[in-house]
Amino acid sequence: MQDILFDFIAKYISLTDDERNALLSLDLFRSVKKGTILLKEGQKSKDVYFILKGCIRKYYIINGEEKTTDFYTEMEGLTPHCVTNNAPSEYFISCVEDTILTVANPDIGVEINAKFPKFDIMCRMLSEELLAKEQINFDEFKTSSPEQRYLNLVQKRPDLIQRVPQHQLASFLGIKPQSLSRLRARILEKKS
């Protein structure tokens, strides 16, 4: 798994052997079983995640109903709000599949960035990319119909269609599972 991480990092910065060894010495890698809840509503945490293999889901429980707001898959990172604001989490994070990820915290980040300043540059680049992606996704969601959201998902993240249970996918799209079934049928009908 370390090679996957190092290949990803190489897209942004080059690492010396010392830097690679420093990262490996931190014992960041974790294997987590499908269904494991990484963060619960009301819990405080300092854990920051980067997915090497698998899928995790972020969701709220509102009036007893799960509302999925995002899925994170290979080569995506997630810093829960509670890490940055030191407040209890307002949502849950759980594994949709068996997942291999890195788990770090801000203290590790500060230590690594102090020793190796180029990691700070990489983190800034990743943050800028993530912010831009989140803004685009939010705008698309707010300005599109459920059918357009589904078609966007099929185009941009087709893997989720196979990897994620239908009720979670429907929640992510802002519709009920029955509506998702009807929507899929309508789309198939249009194609034939």
C-alpha atoms as a PDB file:
ATOM      1  CA  MET A   1       0.000   0.000   0.000  1.00  0.00           C
ATOM      2  CA  GLN A   2       2.901   2.347   0.627  1.00  0.00           C
ATOM      3  CA  ASP A   3       3.700   2.304  -3.111  1.00  0.00           C
ATOM      4  CA  ILE A   4       0.176   3.543  -3.892  1.00  0.00           C
ATOM      5  CA  LEU A   5       0.668   6.425  -1.465  1.00  0.00           C
ATOM      6  CA  PHE A   6       4.125   7.268  -2.790  1.00  0.00           C
ATOM      7  CA  ASP A   7       2.879   7.184  -6.400  1.00  0.00           C
ATOM      8  CA  PHE A   8       0.125   9.634  -5.451  1.00  0.00           C
ATOM      9  CA  ILE A   9       2.554  11.954  -3.649  1.00  0.00           C
ATOM     10  CA  ALA A  10       4.889  11.839  -6.672  1.00  0.00           C
ATOM     11  CA  LYS A  11       2.216  13.658  -8.700  1.00  0.00           C
ATOM     12  CA  TYR A  12       2.857  16.702  -6.489  1.00  0.00           C
ATOM     13  CA  ILE A  13       6.354  16.474  -5.045  1.00  0.00           C
ATOM     14  CA  SER A  14       9.397  14.210  -5.257  1.00  0.00           C
ATOM     15  CA  LEU A  15      10.487  12.400  -2.124  1.00  0.00           C
ATOM     16  CA  THR A  16      13.959  11.538  -0.913  1.00  0.00           C
ATOM     17  CA  ASP A  17      14.589   8.211   0.806  1.00  0.00           C
ATOM     18  CA  ASP A  18      14.718  10.042   4.157  1.00  0.00           C
ATOM     19  CA  GLU A  19      11.285  11.542   3.531  1.00  0.00           C
ATOM     20  CA  ARG A  20       9.839   8.174   2.524  1.00  0.00           C
ATOM     21  CA  ASN A  21      11.295   6.551   5.635  1.00  0.00           C
ATOM     22  CA  ALA A  22       9.980   9.364   7.835  1.00  0.00           C
ATOM     23  CA  LEU A  23       6.467   8.785   6.477  1.00  0.00           C
ATOM     24  CA  LEU A  24       6.715   5.020   6.916  1.00  0.00           C
ATOM     25  CA  SER A  25       7.906   5.429  10.517  1.00  0.00           C
ATOM     26  CA  LEU A  26       4.623   7.165  11.414  1.00  0.00           C
ATOM     27  CA  ASP A  27       2.597   3.922  11.124  1.00  0.00           C
ATOM     28  CA  LEU A  28      -0.235   5.616   9.223  1.00  0.00           C
ATOM     29  CA  PHE A  29      -1.721   2.614   7.390  1.00  0.00           C
ATOM     30  CA  ARG A  30      -4.954   0.971   8.599  1.00  0.00           C
ATOM     31  CA  SER A  31      -7.178  -1.808   7.257  1.00  0.00           C
ATOM     32  CA  VAL A  32     -10.815  -1.318   8.219  1.00  0.00           C
ATOM     33  CA  LYS A  33     -13.747  -3.692   7.694  1.00  0.00           C
ATOM     34  CA  LYS A  34     -16.906  -2.821   5.769  1.00  0.00           C
ATOM     35  CA  GLY A  35     -19.516  -1.330   8.111  1.00  0.00           C
ATOM     36  CA  THR A  36     -16.983   0.092  10.568  1.00  0.00           C
ATOM     37  CA  ILE A  37     -17.957   3.540  11.837  1.00  0.00           C
ATOM     38  CA  LEU A  38     -14.859   5.731  11.857  1.00  0.00           C
ATOM     39  CA  LEU A  39     -16.580   8.764  13.392  1.00  0.00           C
ATOM     40  CA  LYS A  40     -19.921   9.147  15.166  1.00  0.00           C
ATOM     41  CA  GLU A  41     -22.104  12.187  15.583  1.00  0.00           C
ATOM     42  CA  GLY A  42     -21.209  13.885  18.874  1.00  0.00           C
ATOM     43  CA  GLN A  43     -17.712  12.389  18.953  1.00  0.00           C
ATOM     44  CA  LYS A  44     -14.544  14.484  18.923  1.00  0.00           C
ATOM     45  CA  SER A  45     -11.665  13.261  16.816  1.00  0.00           C
ATOM     46  CA  LYS A  46      -8.307  14.360  15.469  1.00  0.00           C
ATOM     47  CA  ASP A  47      -8.212  11.672  12.751  1.00  0.00           C
ATOM     48  CA  VAL A  48      -7.657  12.730   9.142  1.00  0.00           C
ATOM     49  CA  TYR A  49      -8.216  10.066   6.469  1.00  0.00           C
ATOM     50  CA  PHE A  50      -6.751   9.330   3.051  1.00  0.00           C
ATOM     51  CA  ILE A  51      -8.268   6.382   1.185  1.00  0.00           C
ATOM     52  CA  LEU A  52      -5.841   4.068  -0.596  1.00  0.00           C
ATOM     53  CA  LYS A  53      -8.390   1.349  -1.396  1.00  0.00           C
ATOM     54  CA  GLY A  54     -12.096   1.159  -0.637  1.00  0.00           C
ATOM     55  CA  CYS A  55     -14.929   3.565  -0.010  1.00  0.00           C
ATOM     56  CA  ILE A  56     -16.112   5.571   2.985  1.00  0.00           C
ATOM     57  CA  ARG A  57     -19.320   7.550   3.367  1.00  0.00           C
ATOM     58  CA  LYS A  58     -20.162  10.746   5.217  1.00  0.00           C
ATOM     59  CA  TYR A  59     -23.753  11.024   6.443  1.00  0.00           C
ATOM     60  CA  TYR A  60     -26.047  12.767   8.885  1.00  0.00           C
ATOM     61  CA  ILE A  61     -28.998  11.275  10.729  1.00  0.00           C
ATOM     62  CA  ILE A  62     -31.900  13.721  10.506  1.00  0.00           C
ATOM     63  CA  ASN A  63     -35.248  12.763  12.035  1.00  0.00           C
ATOM     64  CA  GLY A  64     -34.084   9.146  12.151  1.00  0.00           C
ATOM     65  CA  GLU A  65     -33.180   9.078   8.452  1.00  0.00           C
ATOM     66  CA  GLU A  66     -29.656   8.803   7.036  1.00  0.00           C
ATOM     67  CA  LYS A  67     -28.722  11.641   4.670  1.00  0.00           C
ATOM     68  CA  THR A  68     -25.565  10.814   2.704  1.00  0.00           C
ATOM     69  CA  THR A  69     -23.574  13.897   1.731  1.00  0.00           C
ATOM     70  CA  ASP A  70     -20.475  12.340   0.166  1.00  0.00           C
ATOM     71  CA  PHE A  71     -18.484   9.248  -0.716  1.00  0.00           C
ATOM     72  CA  TYR A  72     -14.697   9.125  -0.663  1.00  0.00           C
ATOM     73  CA  THR A  73     -12.815   6.545  -2.704  1.00  0.00           C
ATOM     74  CA  GLU A  74      -9.271   5.827  -3.812  1.00  0.00           C
ATOM     75  CA  MET A  75      -6.844   8.758  -3.642  1.00  0.00           C
ATOM     76  CA  GLU A  76      -9.293  11.043  -1.834  1.00  0.00           C
ATOM     77  CA  GLY A  77      -8.812  12.561   1.580  1.00  0.00           C
ATOM     78  CA  LEU A  78     -11.220  13.650   4.277  1.00  0.00           C
ATOM     79  CA  THR A  79     -10.582  15.994   7.175  1.00  0.00           C
ATOM     80  CA  PRO A  80     -13.694  15.987   9.380  1.00  0.00           C
ATOM     81  CA  HIS A  81     -14.808  19.432  10.569  1.00  0.00           C
ATOM     82  CA  CYS A  82     -14.367  18.378  14.201  1.00  0.00           C
ATOM     83  CA  VAL A  83     -10.614  18.107  13.580  1.00  0.00           C
ATOM     84  CA  THR A  84     -10.300  21.762  12.633  1.00  0.00           C
ATOM     85  CA  ASN A  85     -12.879  23.303  14.981  1.00  0.00           C
ATOM     86  CA  ASN A  86     -12.328  20.958  17.968  1.00  0.00           C
ATOM     87  CA  ALA A  87     -16.100  20.538  18.370  1.00  0.00           C
ATOM     88  CA  PRO A  88     -18.152  17.326  18.441  1.00  0.00           C
ATOM     89  CA  SER A  89     -18.891  15.910  14.991  1.00  0.00           C
ATOM     90  CA  GLU A  90     -22.277  16.647  13.477  1.00  0.00           C
ATOM     91  CA  TYR A  91     -22.146  13.591  11.215  1.00  0.00           C
ATOM     92  CA  PHE A  92     -20.996   9.998  10.832  1.00  0.00           C
ATOM     93  CA  ILE A  93     -18.230   8.505   8.692  1.00  0.00           C
ATOM     94  CA  SER A  94     -18.389   4.789   7.926  1.00  0.00           C
ATOM     95  CA  CYS A  95     -16.814   2.240   5.596  1.00  0.00           C
ATOM     96  CA  VAL A  96     -18.996   1.169   2.664  1.00  0.00           C
ATOM     97  CA  GLU A  97     -16.385  -1.459   1.729  1.00  0.00           C
ATOM     98  CA  ASP A  98     -13.363  -3.061   3.334  1.00  0.00           C
ATOM     99  CA  THR A  99     -10.999  -0.093   3.229  1.00  0.00           C
ATOM    100  CA  ILE A 100      -7.280   0.569   3.457  1.00  0.00           C
ATOM    101  CA  LEU A 101      -6.464   4.114   4.467  1.00  0.00           C
ATOM    102  CA  THR A 102      -3.965   6.300   6.161  1.00  0.00           C
ATOM    103  CA  VAL A 103      -4.972   7.841   9.468  1.00  0.00           C
ATOM    104  CA  ALA A 104      -3.069  10.898  10.630  1.00  0.00           C
ATOM    105  CA  ASN A 105      -3.719  13.927  12.813  1.00  0.00           C
ATOM    106  CA  PRO A 106      -2.759  17.611  12.697  1.00  0.00           C
ATOM    107  CA  ASP A 107       0.155  17.075  15.103  1.00  0.00           C
ATOM    108  CA  ILE A 108       1.739  14.571  12.701  1.00  0.00           C
ATOM    109  CA  GLY A 109       1.163  17.050   9.873  1.00  0.00           C
ATOM    110  CA  VAL A 110       2.913  19.851  11.754  1.00  0.00           C
ATOM    111  CA  GLU A 111       5.826  17.562  12.598  1.00  0.00           C
ATOM    112  CA  ILE A 112       6.248  16.360   9.003  1.00  0.00           C
ATOM    113  CA  ASN A 113       5.817  19.862   7.547  1.00  0.00           C
ATOM    114  CA  ALA A 114       8.450  21.237   9.950  1.00  0.00           C
ATOM    115  CA  LYS A 115      10.958  18.525   8.966  1.00  0.00           C
ATOM    116  CA  PHE A 116      10.084  18.561   5.267  1.00  0.00           C
ATOM    117  CA  PRO A 117       8.578  21.897   4.120  1.00  0.00           C
ATOM    118  CA  LYS A 118       7.673  20.573   0.681  1.00  0.00           C
ATOM    119  CA  PHE A 119       4.874  18.530   2.317  1.00  0.00           C
ATOM    120  CA  ASP A 120       3.288  21.838   3.265  1.00  0.00           C
ATOM    121  CA  ILE A 121       3.328  22.827  -0.399  1.00  0.00           C
ATOM    122  CA  MET A 122       1.696  19.528  -1.374  1.00  0.00           C
ATOM    123  CA  CYS A 123      -0.977  19.909   1.337  1.00  0.00           C
ATOM    124  CA  ARG A 124      -1.761  23.408   0.112  1.00  0.00           C
ATOM    125  CA  MET A 125      -2.105  22.148  -3.471  1.00  0.00           C
ATOM    126  CA  LEU A 126      -4.377  19.310  -2.367  1.00  0.00           C
ATOM    127  CA  SER A 127      -6.496  21.702  -0.299  1.00  0.00           C
ATOM    128  CA  GLU A 128      -6.928  24.048  -3.244  1.00  0.00           C
ATOM    129  CA  GLU A 129      -7.914  21.150  -5.533  1.00  0.00           C
ATOM    130  CA  LEU A 130     -10.379  19.827  -2.962  1.00  0.00           C
ATOM    131  CA  LEU A 131     -11.974  23.228  -2.395  1.00  0.00           C
ATOM    132  CA  ALA A 132     -12.443  23.771  -6.132  1.00  0.00           C
ATOM    133  CA  LYS A 133     -13.933  20.278  -6.542  1.00  0.00           C
ATOM    134  CA  GLU A 134     -16.306  20.769  -3.607  1.00  0.00           C
ATOM    135  CA  GLN A 135     -17.496  24.115  -4.990  1.00  0.00           C
ATOM    136  CA  ILE A 136     -18.187  22.604  -8.418  1.00  0.00           C
ATOM    137  CA  ASN A 137     -20.021  19.618  -6.879  1.00  0.00           C
ATOM    138  CA  PHE A 138     -22.123  21.882  -4.660  1.00  0.00           C
ATOM    139  CA  ASP A 139     -23.053  24.168  -7.553  1.00  0.00           C
ATOM    140  CA  GLU A 140     -23.954  21.207  -9.774  1.00  0.00           C
ATOM    141  CA  PHE A 141     -26.110  19.682  -7.045  1.00  0.00           C
ATOM    142  CA  LYS A 142     -27.965  22.934  -6.342  1.00  0.00           C
ATOM    143  CA  THR A 143     -28.631  23.725 -10.008  1.00  0.00           C
ATOM    144  CA  SER A 144     -29.583  20.286 -11.360  1.00  0.00           C
ATOM    145  CA  SER A 145     -32.614  18.017 -11.312  1.00  0.00           C
ATOM    146  CA  PRO A 146     -32.436  14.539  -9.745  1.00  0.00           C
ATOM    147  CA  GLU A 147     -32.095  13.052 -13.235  1.00  0.00           C
ATOM    148  CA  GLN A 148     -29.209  15.400 -14.078  1.00  0.00           C
ATOM    149  CA  ARG A 149     -27.538  14.556 -10.749  1.00  0.00           C
ATOM    150  CA  TYR A 150     -27.788  10.847 -11.532  1.00  0.00           C
ATOM    151  CA  LEU A 151     -26.432  11.327 -15.083  1.00  0.00           C
ATOM    152  CA  ASN A 152     -23.561  13.448 -13.687  1.00  0.00           C
ATOM    153  CA  LEU A 153     -22.791  10.659 -11.221  1.00  0.00           C
ATOM    154  CA  VAL A 154     -22.823   8.052 -14.000  1.00  0.00           C
ATOM    155  CA  GLN A 155     -20.459  10.231 -16.036  1.00  0.00           C
ATOM    156  CA  LYS A 156     -18.062  11.388 -13.288  1.00  0.00           C
ATOM    157  CA  ARG A 157     -18.136   8.568 -10.721  1.00  0.00           C
ATOM    158  CA  PRO A 158     -19.558   5.457 -12.434  1.00  0.00           C
ATOM    159  CA  ASP A 159     -17.815   3.155  -9.963  1.00  0.00           C
ATOM    160  CA  LEU A 160     -20.184   4.318  -7.194  1.00  0.00           C
ATOM    161  CA  ILE A 161     -23.180   2.855  -9.050  1.00  0.00           C
ATOM    162  CA  GLN A 162     -21.742  -0.640  -8.492  1.00  0.00           C
ATOM    163  CA  ARG A 163     -20.025  -0.077  -5.149  1.00  0.00           C
ATOM    164  CA  VAL A 164     -22.689   1.677  -3.089  1.00  0.00           C
ATOM    165  CA  PRO A 165     -26.068   0.304  -1.907  1.00  0.00           C
ATOM    166  CA  GLN A 166     -29.005   1.863  -3.774  1.00  0.00           C
ATOM    167  CA  HIS A 167     -30.541   3.470  -0.672  1.00  0.00           C
ATOM    168  CA  GLN A 168     -27.251   5.275   0.074  1.00  0.00           C
ATOM    169  CA  LEU A 169     -26.910   6.352  -3.549  1.00  0.00           C
ATOM    170  CA  ALA A 170     -30.483   7.685  -3.550  1.00  0.00           C
ATOM    171  CA  SER A 171     -29.817   9.618  -0.338  1.00  0.00           C
ATOM    172  CA  PHE A 172     -26.664  11.088  -1.880  1.00  0.00           C
ATOM    173  CA  LEU A 173     -28.718  12.233  -4.891  1.00  0.00           C
ATOM    174  CA  GLY A 174     -31.356  13.757  -2.593  1.00  0.00           C
ATOM    175  CA  ILE A 175     -34.141  11.338  -3.544  1.00  0.00           C
ATOM    176  CA  LYS A 176     -35.898   8.238  -2.179  1.00  0.00           C
ATOM    177  CA  PRO A 177     -34.758   4.751  -3.324  1.00  0.00           C
ATOM    178  CA  GLN A 178     -38.080   4.227  -5.142  1.00  0.00           C
ATOM    179  CA  SER A 179     -37.533   7.466  -7.062  1.00  0.00           C
ATOM    180  CA  LEU A 180     -34.060   6.292  -8.042  1.00  0.00           C
ATOM    181  CA  SER A 181     -35.523   3.044  -9.423  1.00  0.00           C
ATOM    182  CA  ARG A 182     -38.112   4.997 -11.455  1.00  0.00           C
ATOM    183  CA  LEU A 183     -35.443   7.440 -12.641  1.00  0.00           C
ATOM    184  CA  ARG A 184     -33.199   4.599 -13.839  1.00  0.00           C
ATOM    185  CA  ALA A 185     -36.133   2.977 -15.647  1.00  0.00           C
ATOM    186  CA  ARG A 186     -36.997   6.291 -17.359  1.00  0.00           C
ATOM    187  CA  ILE A 187     -33.408   6.748 -18.524  1.00  0.00           C
ATOM    188  CA  LEU A 188     -33.273   3.191 -19.893  1.00  0.00           C
ATOM    189  CA  GLU A 189     -36.606   3.766 -21.673  1.00  0.00           C
ATOM    190  CA  LYS A 190     -35.250   6.930 -23.330  1.00  0.00           C
ATOM    191  CA  LYS A 191     -32.215   5.018 -24.611  1.00  0.00           C
ATOM    192  CA  SER A 192     -34.288   2.291 -26.269  1.00  0.00           C
END
